[in-house]
């Protein structure tokens, strides 16, 4: 980046907005991570699926560079009913979350342009997300987050750490579905090398953990996307005031 970014967060409103989001997702999830899907358009360079029309899409633009640099998509329960399910229900049994009768929001397809990672871009996206959460009275956030690759044994350290130290309480504990659901407690707790495990945990998952996020029971091996997924859950009521300030940028 040769100029100072001028960030702007907005919701997708037009077909051009949606295509820009799908193009960034293609660059990250297909080109970079090796994923695919039934509706991926390789000729146009778009990563899309049947759920896109039901999600609200949070977009982060760098107006100084004139490009889209970050995407988050968000699905409210009423829109999930229109879609027939939450996206995550292909991977996880969400019965415990639904049984709470609380206002839930599913998050997904979070990605940032490589040139903007490790800087303030994600902070701006999360501020936009916090505004959306407040506007819609959301009480529980959830969604799958991914480790790269499908070799579960190579992820034994981080998956075991998540299971033993960050497992959701029973009332929120969703479970990975067969046939691609797999145990996360691959190691005993006393066998975990925490520093080594933390190195393998993606930064987005670490951020959710810092905010009090927890994980469901089991990981899901997504061969189409070349990822191993965990379901992250965050109860906004359980967040401390300090955490809320971090999450909402003090707003």
Foldseek 3Di string as FASTA:
>chain_A
DPDDFDKDKDWDDDPVSQQQLQQVLLVPQCVPQPFDDPPQDPVSNGDDDPCVVLWTKMWMDRVVVPGTFWIKTKHWPVSCVVVVHDPCVVWWDFVLVVVVVFTEMEMDSTDGHPVCPPHCRVVVSLLVVLVVCVVVVHFKYKYKDWQAAQPLVVLLQQLLCQVPPFEDDPSRAIATDPDFWDANNPDDPVPHPVVVNVVRDDPVVVLCVVQVKHWHGTWGRDVNSRTIIIMIMDGPVPGDPVSSCSSNVPD
